[in-house]
Amino acid sequence: MTALLFFFLENMALIIALMYLGLKTKETLFLDWTNPVRQRWAISIFIGFLTFSIMYNPFMYEGMRLDLREVPLFFISYVGGWQAGLLSAVLPAFYRGSMGGPTVVIGIIQSILLPVLIGGLFHDRKPANQFFVILNIKRMMGAFVVFEAIKSIWMYFATRQIL
């Protein structure tokens, strides 16, 4: 139990550190950050790399890979819409597919496409500069709880039980 707690803290530290590095890189390299197409591509590629980084070193528990890959994918879809989420999901989906195993398709759907779909459904379409708005944390956490409930119910019924 303690190992699992430390693993999730390590995953959160990785997410926070890479988000910080991404923001600092944006400030340093992209002085003209007004092009929305460039914003969408750069942020989506960065989130895809972040998700891949989280997936690269999972916590293994009885043959299951546990990580927080859903967090950045949900976040980018919530903030930027389903298009940004799908762009961000390309690299993690290819990586998950390359790992193989009997649960490749269900793994890609549950842990990569489902957070993109749910995050995109709760995306607020009003803000003009969508990647740099102040977030409604209560609404975002409510959407994340909906995602986790759907994922948990789906996993419960889709996972074979060994008695």
N, C-alpha and C. Protein backbone atom coordinates (compact mmCIF):
# COMPACT_ATOMS: atom_id res chain seq x y z
N MET A 1 0.82 -1.20 0.00
CA MET A 1 0.00 0.00 0.00
C MET A 1 0.86 1.26 0.00
N THR A 2 1.93 1.26 0.81
CA THR A 2 2.81 2.42 0.88
C THR A 2 3.51 2.64 -0.45
N ALA A 3 3.92 1.54 -1.12
CA ALA A 3 4.58 1.66 -2.41
C ALA A 3 3.65 2.29 -3.44
N LEU A 4 2.37 1.93 -3.42
CA LEU A 4 1.40 2.50 -4.35
C LEU A 4 1.21 4.00 -4.10
N LEU A 5 1.15 4.40 -2.84
CA LEU A 5 1.01 5.81 -2.50
C LEU A 5 2.21 6.61 -3.01
N PHE A 6 3.41 6.10 -2.77
CA PHE A 6 4.61 6.80 -3.24
C PHE A 6 4.66 6.84 -4.76
N PHE A 7 4.20 5.78 -5.41
CA PHE A 7 4.18 5.77 -6.86
C PHE A 7 3.27 6.88 -7.40
N PHE A 8 2.06 7.01 -6.86
CA PHE A 8 1.15 8.05 -7.32
C PHE A 8 1.70 9.45 -7.01
N LEU A 9 2.38 9.60 -5.90
CA LEU A 9 3.03 10.88 -5.61
C LEU A 9 4.14 11.16 -6.62
N GLU A 10 4.89 10.13 -7.01
CA GLU A 10 5.92 10.31 -8.04
C GLU A 10 5.29 10.69 -9.37
N ASN A 11 4.17 10.05 -9.74
CA ASN A 11 3.48 10.40 -10.98
C ASN A 11 2.99 11.84 -10.95
N MET A 12 2.43 12.28 -9.82
CA MET A 12 1.97 13.66 -9.71
C MET A 12 3.14 14.64 -9.79
N ALA A 13 4.25 14.29 -9.14
CA ALA A 13 5.44 15.15 -9.21
C ALA A 13 5.94 15.25 -10.65
N LEU A 14 5.92 14.14 -11.39
CA LEU A 14 6.33 14.16 -12.80
C LEU A 14 5.40 15.06 -13.61
N ILE A 15 4.11 14.95 -13.39
CA ILE A 15 3.15 15.78 -14.12
C ILE A 15 3.40 17.25 -13.82
N ILE A 16 3.55 17.60 -12.56
CA ILE A 16 3.76 19.00 -12.18
C ILE A 16 5.08 19.53 -12.73
N ALA A 17 6.15 18.72 -12.63
CA ALA A 17 7.46 19.16 -13.12
C ALA A 17 7.44 19.37 -14.63
N LEU A 18 6.86 18.44 -15.37
CA LEU A 18 6.82 18.61 -16.82
C LEU A 18 5.90 19.75 -17.24
N MET A 19 4.81 19.98 -16.51
CA MET A 19 3.96 21.13 -16.82
C MET A 19 4.72 22.44 -16.60
N TYR A 20 5.49 22.49 -15.51
CA TYR A 20 6.30 23.68 -15.23
C TYR A 20 7.33 23.89 -16.34
N LEU A 21 8.03 22.81 -16.72
CA LEU A 21 9.02 22.92 -17.79
C LEU A 21 8.38 23.33 -19.11
N GLY A 22 7.18 22.81 -19.37
CA GLY A 22 6.46 23.20 -20.58
C GLY A 22 6.12 24.68 -20.60
N LEU A 23 5.65 25.21 -19.47
CA LEU A 23 5.34 26.64 -19.39
C LEU A 23 6.58 27.50 -19.56
N LYS A 24 7.68 27.10 -18.94
CA LYS A 24 8.93 27.85 -19.07
C LYS A 24 9.48 27.78 -20.50
N THR A 25 9.34 26.63 -21.15
CA THR A 25 9.76 26.49 -22.54
C THR A 25 8.94 27.38 -23.44
N LYS A 26 7.63 27.43 -23.19
CA LYS A 26 6.75 28.30 -23.97
C LYS A 26 7.17 29.76 -23.84
N GLU A 27 7.47 30.18 -22.62
CA GLU A 27 7.88 31.56 -22.39
C GLU A 27 9.20 31.87 -23.08
N THR A 28 10.10 30.91 -23.14
CA THR A 28 11.42 31.13 -23.69
C THR A 28 11.45 31.03 -25.21
N LEU A 29 10.82 30.01 -25.76
CA LEU A 29 10.94 29.73 -27.19
C LEU A 29 9.87 30.38 -28.05
N PHE A 30 8.68 30.52 -27.54
CA PHE A 30 7.58 31.04 -28.35
C PHE A 30 7.22 32.45 -27.91
N LEU A 31 7.93 33.43 -28.45
CA LEU A 31 7.62 34.81 -28.09
C LEU A 31 6.29 35.24 -28.71
N ASP A 32 6.01 34.78 -29.94
CA ASP A 32 4.73 35.06 -30.58
C ASP A 32 3.82 33.87 -30.36
N TRP A 33 2.98 33.93 -29.34
CA TRP A 33 2.14 32.81 -28.95
C TRP A 33 0.68 33.12 -29.28
N THR A 34 0.46 33.90 -30.33
CA THR A 34 -0.90 34.31 -30.66
C THR A 34 -1.54 33.43 -31.73
N ASN A 35 -0.76 32.61 -32.40
CA ASN A 35 -1.29 31.75 -33.45
C ASN A 35 -2.00 30.55 -32.82
N PRO A 36 -3.35 30.45 -32.95
CA PRO A 36 -4.07 29.37 -32.29
C PRO A 36 -3.72 27.98 -32.83
N VAL A 37 -3.38 27.88 -34.10
CA VAL A 37 -3.00 26.57 -34.66
C VAL A 37 -1.69 26.10 -34.05
N ARG A 38 -0.73 27.00 -33.95
CA ARG A 38 0.56 26.66 -33.33
C ARG A 38 0.36 26.30 -31.85
N GLN A 39 -0.49 27.04 -31.17
CA GLN A 39 -0.80 26.73 -29.76
C GLN A 39 -1.35 25.32 -29.63
N ARG A 40 -2.36 24.99 -30.43
CA ARG A 40 -3.01 23.68 -30.35
C ARG A 40 -2.02 22.56 -30.60
N TRP A 41 -1.21 22.69 -31.64
CA TRP A 41 -0.25 21.64 -31.97
C TRP A 41 0.84 21.51 -30.90
N ALA A 42 1.41 22.63 -30.49
CA ALA A 42 2.50 22.58 -29.50
C ALA A 42 2.01 22.01 -28.17
N ILE A 43 0.88 22.47 -27.71
CA ILE A 43 0.35 21.99 -26.43
C ILE A 43 -0.06 20.52 -26.53
N SER A 44 -0.66 20.13 -27.65
CA SER A 44 -1.08 18.74 -27.81
C SER A 44 0.12 17.80 -27.88
N ILE A 45 1.16 18.18 -28.59
CA ILE A 45 2.36 17.36 -28.65
C ILE A 45 3.00 17.26 -27.27
N PHE A 46 3.04 18.36 -26.54
CA PHE A 46 3.61 18.34 -25.20
C PHE A 46 2.80 17.43 -24.27
N ILE A 47 1.49 17.52 -24.30
CA ILE A 47 0.65 16.67 -23.44
C ILE A 47 0.79 15.21 -23.85
N GLY A 48 0.91 14.93 -25.14
CA GLY A 48 1.14 13.57 -25.58
C GLY A 48 2.45 13.02 -25.03
N PHE A 49 3.51 13.85 -25.06
CA PHE A 49 4.80 13.44 -24.50
C PHE A 49 4.69 13.24 -22.99
N LEU A 50 3.98 14.11 -22.32
CA LEU A 50 3.79 13.99 -20.87
C LEU A 50 3.08 12.69 -20.53
N THR A 51 2.04 12.36 -21.28
CA THR A 51 1.30 11.12 -21.05
C THR A 51 2.19 9.91 -21.31
N PHE A 52 2.95 9.96 -22.39
CA PHE A 52 3.90 8.88 -22.68
C PHE A 52 4.91 8.72 -21.54
N SER A 53 5.40 9.82 -21.01
CA SER A 53 6.38 9.77 -19.92
C SER A 53 5.80 9.10 -18.69
N ILE A 54 4.55 9.37 -18.41
CA ILE A 54 3.88 8.75 -17.26
C ILE A 54 3.71 7.25 -17.50
N MET A 55 3.37 6.88 -18.72
CA MET A 55 3.14 5.47 -19.06
C MET A 55 4.44 4.67 -19.08
N TYR A 56 5.55 5.33 -19.31
CA TYR A 56 6.82 4.63 -19.51
C TYR A 56 7.30 3.89 -18.26
N ASN A 57 6.98 4.41 -17.09
CA ASN A 57 7.42 3.79 -15.84
C ASN A 57 6.22 3.55 -14.92
N PRO A 58 5.42 2.53 -15.21
CA PRO A 58 4.21 2.30 -14.41
C PRO A 58 4.51 1.55 -13.11
N PHE A 59 3.53 1.53 -12.26
CA PHE A 59 3.56 0.69 -11.07
C PHE A 59 2.93 -0.63 -11.48
N MET A 60 3.66 -1.73 -11.32
CA MET A 60 3.15 -3.05 -11.71
C MET A 60 2.57 -3.73 -10.47
N TYR A 61 1.31 -4.14 -10.56
CA TYR A 61 0.66 -4.82 -9.44
C TYR A 61 -0.10 -6.01 -10.00
N GLU A 62 0.35 -7.19 -9.69
CA GLU A 62 -0.26 -8.43 -10.14
C GLU A 62 -0.51 -8.44 -11.64
N GLY A 63 0.49 -7.99 -12.41
CA GLY A 63 0.40 -7.99 -13.86
C GLY A 63 -0.34 -6.80 -14.45
N MET A 64 -0.84 -5.89 -13.61
CA MET A 64 -1.55 -4.71 -14.10
C MET A 64 -0.62 -3.51 -14.04
N ARG A 65 -0.73 -2.67 -15.05
CA ARG A 65 0.03 -1.42 -15.10
C ARG A 65 -0.84 -0.32 -14.51
N LEU A 66 -0.34 0.33 -13.48
CA LEU A 66 -1.08 1.43 -12.86
C LEU A 66 -0.29 2.71 -13.06
N ASP A 67 -0.94 3.72 -13.60
CA ASP A 67 -0.32 5.03 -13.76
C ASP A 67 -1.43 6.08 -13.88
N LEU A 68 -1.04 7.32 -14.01
CA LEU A 68 -2.01 8.42 -14.06
C LEU A 68 -2.10 9.01 -15.47
N ARG A 69 -2.03 8.17 -16.50
CA ARG A 69 -2.04 8.68 -17.87
C ARG A 69 -3.32 9.42 -18.21
N GLU A 70 -4.41 9.13 -17.50
CA GLU A 70 -5.68 9.77 -17.81
C GLU A 70 -5.70 11.25 -17.43
N VAL A 71 -4.91 11.62 -16.44
CA VAL A 71 -4.97 12.98 -15.90
C VAL A 71 -4.63 14.04 -16.96
N PRO A 72 -3.46 13.98 -17.63
CA PRO A 72 -3.19 15.02 -18.63
C PRO A 72 -4.13 14.96 -19.83
N LEU A 73 -4.55 13.75 -20.23
CA LEU A 73 -5.46 13.64 -21.37
C LEU A 73 -6.83 14.23 -21.03
N PHE A 74 -7.33 13.96 -19.83
CA PHE A 74 -8.59 14.56 -19.41
C PHE A 74 -8.46 16.08 -19.34
N PHE A 75 -7.37 16.54 -18.74
CA PHE A 75 -7.15 17.97 -18.54
C PHE A 75 -7.11 18.72 -19.88
N ILE A 76 -6.34 18.21 -20.85
CA ILE A 76 -6.23 18.92 -22.12
C ILE A 76 -7.57 18.92 -22.87
N SER A 77 -8.33 17.84 -22.73
CA SER A 77 -9.65 17.79 -23.38
C SER A 77 -10.63 18.72 -22.70
N TYR A 78 -10.54 18.81 -21.38
CA TYR A 78 -11.42 19.72 -20.63
C TYR A 78 -11.12 21.17 -20.99
N VAL A 79 -9.84 21.49 -21.11
CA VAL A 79 -9.44 22.88 -21.39
C VAL A 79 -9.53 23.21 -22.87
N GLY A 80 -9.02 22.32 -23.74
CA GLY A 80 -8.91 22.63 -25.15
C GLY A 80 -9.93 21.98 -26.06
N GLY A 81 -10.77 21.12 -25.53
CA GLY A 81 -11.76 20.44 -26.37
C GLY A 81 -11.27 19.09 -26.85
N TRP A 82 -12.18 18.35 -27.46
CA TRP A 82 -11.86 16.98 -27.87
C TRP A 82 -10.80 16.94 -28.96
N GLN A 83 -10.70 18.00 -29.81
CA GLN A 83 -9.69 18.00 -30.86
C GLN A 83 -8.29 17.99 -30.27
N ALA A 84 -8.05 18.85 -29.28
CA ALA A 84 -6.75 18.88 -28.62
C ALA A 84 -6.49 17.57 -27.89
N GLY A 85 -7.54 16.99 -27.31
CA GLY A 85 -7.39 15.71 -26.63
C GLY A 85 -7.01 14.60 -27.59
N LEU A 86 -7.65 14.55 -28.76
CA LEU A 86 -7.31 13.50 -29.73
C LEU A 86 -5.88 13.66 -30.25
N LEU A 87 -5.46 14.90 -30.51
CA LEU A 87 -4.07 15.12 -30.93
C LEU A 87 -3.11 14.65 -29.86
N SER A 88 -3.45 14.91 -28.60
CA SER A 88 -2.58 14.51 -27.49
C SER A 88 -2.59 13.00 -27.28
N ALA A 89 -3.63 12.33 -27.70
CA ALA A 89 -3.77 10.89 -27.47
C ALA A 89 -3.04 10.03 -28.49
N VAL A 90 -2.53 10.62 -29.56
CA VAL A 90 -1.91 9.83 -30.62
C VAL A 90 -0.68 9.07 -30.11
N LEU A 91 0.28 9.75 -29.53
CA LEU A 91 1.52 9.11 -29.05
C LEU A 91 1.23 8.07 -27.97
N PRO A 92 0.44 8.39 -26.93
CA PRO A 92 0.13 7.37 -25.93
C PRO A 92 -0.61 6.16 -26.51
N ALA A 93 -1.50 6.37 -27.47
CA ALA A 93 -2.23 5.26 -28.07
C ALA A 93 -1.28 4.34 -28.84
N PHE A 94 -0.36 4.92 -29.59
CA PHE A 94 0.62 4.10 -30.31
C PHE A 94 1.51 3.35 -29.33
N TYR A 95 1.92 4.02 -28.26
CA TYR A 95 2.77 3.35 -27.27
C TYR A 95 2.02 2.21 -26.60
N ARG A 96 0.77 2.44 -26.21
CA ARG A 96 -0.02 1.38 -25.58
C ARG A 96 -0.24 0.23 -26.56
N GLY A 97 -0.46 0.53 -27.82
CA GLY A 97 -0.62 -0.51 -28.83
C GLY A 97 0.65 -1.32 -29.03
N SER A 98 1.80 -0.67 -28.94
CA SER A 98 3.07 -1.38 -29.12
C SER A 98 3.39 -2.31 -27.96
N MET A 99 2.79 -2.08 -26.80
CA MET A 99 3.05 -2.95 -25.65
C MET A 99 2.36 -4.30 -25.81
N GLY A 100 1.32 -4.36 -26.61
CA GLY A 100 0.64 -5.62 -26.84
C GLY A 100 -0.14 -6.11 -25.64
N GLY A 101 -0.47 -7.38 -25.67
CA GLY A 101 -1.22 -7.98 -24.58
C GLY A 101 -2.67 -8.17 -24.94
N PRO A 102 -3.38 -8.94 -24.12
CA PRO A 102 -4.78 -9.24 -24.43
C PRO A 102 -5.74 -8.07 -24.22
N THR A 103 -5.31 -7.03 -23.53
CA THR A 103 -6.22 -5.91 -23.25
C THR A 103 -5.82 -4.62 -23.96
N VAL A 104 -5.17 -4.75 -25.13
CA VAL A 104 -4.70 -3.55 -25.84
C VAL A 104 -5.87 -2.64 -26.22
N VAL A 105 -6.85 -3.19 -26.88
CA VAL A 105 -7.96 -2.36 -27.38
C VAL A 105 -8.74 -1.76 -26.22
N ILE A 106 -9.08 -2.58 -25.24
CA ILE A 106 -9.85 -2.06 -24.10
C ILE A 106 -9.02 -1.06 -23.31
N GLY A 107 -7.70 -1.27 -23.24
CA GLY A 107 -6.82 -0.33 -22.54
C GLY A 107 -6.75 1.02 -23.23
N ILE A 108 -6.68 1.00 -24.55
CA ILE A 108 -6.65 2.26 -25.30
C ILE A 108 -7.98 3.00 -25.15
N ILE A 109 -9.07 2.26 -25.22
CA ILE A 109 -10.39 2.91 -25.11
C ILE A 109 -10.61 3.46 -23.70
N GLN A 110 -10.34 2.64 -22.67
CA GLN A 110 -10.63 3.07 -21.29
C GLN A 110 -9.70 4.15 -20.79
N SER A 111 -8.40 4.02 -21.04
CA SER A 111 -7.46 4.93 -20.38
C SER A 111 -6.92 6.02 -21.28
N ILE A 112 -7.24 5.99 -22.57
CA ILE A 112 -6.75 7.04 -23.45
C ILE A 112 -7.90 7.78 -24.13
N LEU A 113 -8.83 7.05 -24.72
CA LEU A 113 -9.93 7.72 -25.43
C LEU A 113 -11.07 8.17 -24.52
N LEU A 114 -11.38 7.40 -23.47
CA LEU A 114 -12.46 7.79 -22.56
C LEU A 114 -12.18 9.12 -21.84
N PRO A 115 -10.96 9.37 -21.32
CA PRO A 115 -10.75 10.69 -20.70
C PRO A 115 -10.84 11.83 -21.71
N VAL A 116 -10.47 11.56 -22.97
CA VAL A 116 -10.60 12.59 -24.01
C VAL A 116 -12.08 12.87 -24.26
N LEU A 117 -12.87 11.83 -24.36
CA LEU A 117 -14.30 11.99 -24.61
C LEU A 117 -15.00 12.73 -23.47
N ILE A 118 -14.79 12.28 -22.24
CA ILE A 118 -15.47 12.90 -21.09
C ILE A 118 -14.97 14.34 -20.89
N GLY A 119 -13.66 14.55 -20.98
CA GLY A 119 -13.13 15.91 -20.86
C GLY A 119 -13.69 16.83 -21.93
N GLY A 120 -13.80 16.31 -23.16
CA GLY A 120 -14.36 17.11 -24.25
C GLY A 120 -15.84 17.42 -24.05
N LEU A 121 -16.58 16.49 -23.45
CA LEU A 121 -18.00 16.74 -23.19
C LEU A 121 -18.21 17.87 -22.17
N PHE A 122 -17.29 18.00 -21.23
CA PHE A 122 -17.40 19.05 -20.20
C PHE A 122 -16.64 20.32 -20.58
N HIS A 123 -16.04 20.36 -21.76
CA HIS A 123 -15.28 21.52 -22.22
C HIS A 123 -16.19 22.74 -22.36
N ASP A 124 -15.74 23.88 -21.84
CA ASP A 124 -16.48 25.14 -21.94
C ASP A 124 -16.04 25.85 -23.22
N ARG A 125 -16.93 26.03 -24.15
CA ARG A 125 -16.57 26.57 -25.46
C ARG A 125 -16.52 28.10 -25.51
N LYS A 126 -16.81 28.78 -24.43
CA LYS A 126 -16.89 30.24 -24.44
C LYS A 126 -15.56 30.98 -24.58
N PRO A 127 -14.52 30.63 -23.80
CA PRO A 127 -13.32 31.45 -23.81
C PRO A 127 -12.64 31.52 -25.18
N ALA A 128 -12.13 32.71 -25.52
CA ALA A 128 -11.46 32.90 -26.80
C ALA A 128 -10.07 32.25 -26.79
N ASN A 129 -9.29 32.49 -25.75
CA ASN A 129 -7.95 31.92 -25.64
C ASN A 129 -8.03 30.75 -24.66
N GLN A 130 -8.51 29.61 -25.15
CA GLN A 130 -8.91 28.51 -24.29
C GLN A 130 -7.81 27.90 -23.45
N PHE A 131 -6.57 27.97 -23.88
CA PHE A 131 -5.51 27.31 -23.12
C PHE A 131 -5.02 28.13 -21.94
N PHE A 132 -5.41 29.39 -21.85
CA PHE A 132 -4.90 30.24 -20.79
C PHE A 132 -6.02 30.94 -20.03
N VAL A 133 -7.09 30.23 -19.77
CA VAL A 133 -8.21 30.79 -19.02
C VAL A 133 -8.12 30.30 -17.58
N ILE A 134 -8.82 30.99 -16.71
CA ILE A 134 -8.91 30.54 -15.32
C ILE A 134 -9.98 29.45 -15.29
N LEU A 135 -9.61 28.31 -14.73
CA LEU A 135 -10.50 27.16 -14.74
C LEU A 135 -11.48 27.19 -13.58
N ASN A 136 -12.66 26.67 -13.83
CA ASN A 136 -13.64 26.43 -12.79
C ASN A 136 -13.29 25.06 -12.19
N ILE A 137 -12.53 25.06 -11.11
CA ILE A 137 -12.01 23.82 -10.53
C ILE A 137 -13.15 22.92 -10.06
N LYS A 138 -14.21 23.49 -9.50
CA LYS A 138 -15.33 22.68 -9.02
C LYS A 138 -15.96 21.92 -10.19
N ARG A 139 -16.16 22.60 -11.30
CA ARG A 139 -16.74 21.96 -12.49
C ARG A 139 -15.78 20.92 -13.05
N MET A 140 -14.50 21.21 -13.09
CA MET A 140 -13.52 20.27 -13.62
C MET A 140 -13.45 19.02 -12.75
N MET A 141 -13.44 19.19 -11.43
CA MET A 141 -13.38 18.03 -10.54
C MET A 141 -14.66 17.20 -10.63
N GLY A 142 -15.80 17.86 -10.81
CA GLY A 142 -17.05 17.13 -11.02
C GLY A 142 -16.98 16.29 -12.29
N ALA A 143 -16.45 16.87 -13.35
CA ALA A 143 -16.29 16.13 -14.60
C ALA A 143 -15.32 14.96 -14.42
N PHE A 144 -14.26 15.16 -13.65
CA PHE A 144 -13.29 14.09 -13.42
C PHE A 144 -13.92 12.97 -12.60
N VAL A 145 -14.77 13.30 -11.65
CA VAL A 145 -15.47 12.27 -10.88
C VAL A 145 -16.40 11.47 -11.80
N VAL A 146 -17.09 12.14 -12.73
CA VAL A 146 -17.93 11.43 -13.70
C VAL A 146 -17.07 10.48 -14.52
N PHE A 147 -15.92 10.96 -14.99
CA PHE A 147 -15.01 10.09 -15.75
C PHE A 147 -14.58 8.88 -14.94
N GLU A 148 -14.15 9.10 -13.69
CA GLU A 148 -13.68 7.98 -12.85
C GLU A 148 -14.81 6.99 -12.56
N ALA A 149 -16.03 7.49 -12.38
CA ALA A 149 -17.16 6.59 -12.13
C ALA A 149 -17.44 5.72 -13.36
N ILE A 150 -17.47 6.33 -14.53
CA ILE A 150 -17.70 5.58 -15.76
C ILE A 150 -16.59 4.56 -15.97
N LYS A 151 -15.34 4.98 -15.78
CA LYS A 151 -14.21 4.07 -15.97
C LYS A 151 -14.26 2.93 -14.97
N SER A 152 -14.56 3.21 -13.73
CA SER A 152 -14.60 2.17 -12.70
C SER A 152 -15.70 1.16 -12.96
N ILE A 153 -16.89 1.63 -13.32
CA ILE A 153 -18.00 0.71 -13.62
C ILE A 153 -17.65 -0.14 -14.84
N TRP A 154 -17.10 0.50 -15.86
CA TRP A 154 -16.70 -0.23 -17.06
C TRP A 154 -15.65 -1.29 -16.73
N MET A 155 -14.65 -0.92 -15.93
CA MET A 155 -13.60 -1.88 -15.57
C MET A 155 -14.18 -3.03 -14.75
N TYR A 156 -15.11 -2.75 -13.88
CA TYR A 156 -15.71 -3.78 -13.05
C TYR A 156 -16.41 -4.84 -13.91
N PHE A 157 -17.16 -4.38 -14.90
CA PHE A 157 -17.90 -5.33 -15.73
C PHE A 157 -17.07 -5.92 -16.87
N ALA A 158 -15.99 -5.23 -17.28
CA ALA A 158 -15.18 -5.72 -18.41
C ALA A 158 -14.04 -6.62 -17.97
N THR A 159 -13.64 -6.56 -16.70
CA THR A 159 -12.50 -7.34 -16.24
C THR A 159 -12.98 -8.72 -15.76
N ARG A 160 -12.30 -9.74 -16.25
CA ARG A 160 -12.65 -11.09 -15.83
C ARG A 160 -12.24 -11.31 -14.38
N GLN A 161 -13.10 -11.94 -13.62
CA GLN A 161 -12.84 -12.23 -12.22
C GLN A 161 -12.30 -13.65 -12.11
N ILE A 162 -11.20 -13.81 -11.39
CA ILE A 162 -10.64 -15.14 -11.12
C ILE A 162 -11.02 -15.51 -9.70
N LEU A 163 -11.79 -16.55 -9.57
CA LEU A 163 -12.26 -16.98 -8.24
C LEU A 163 -11.39 -18.06 -7.68
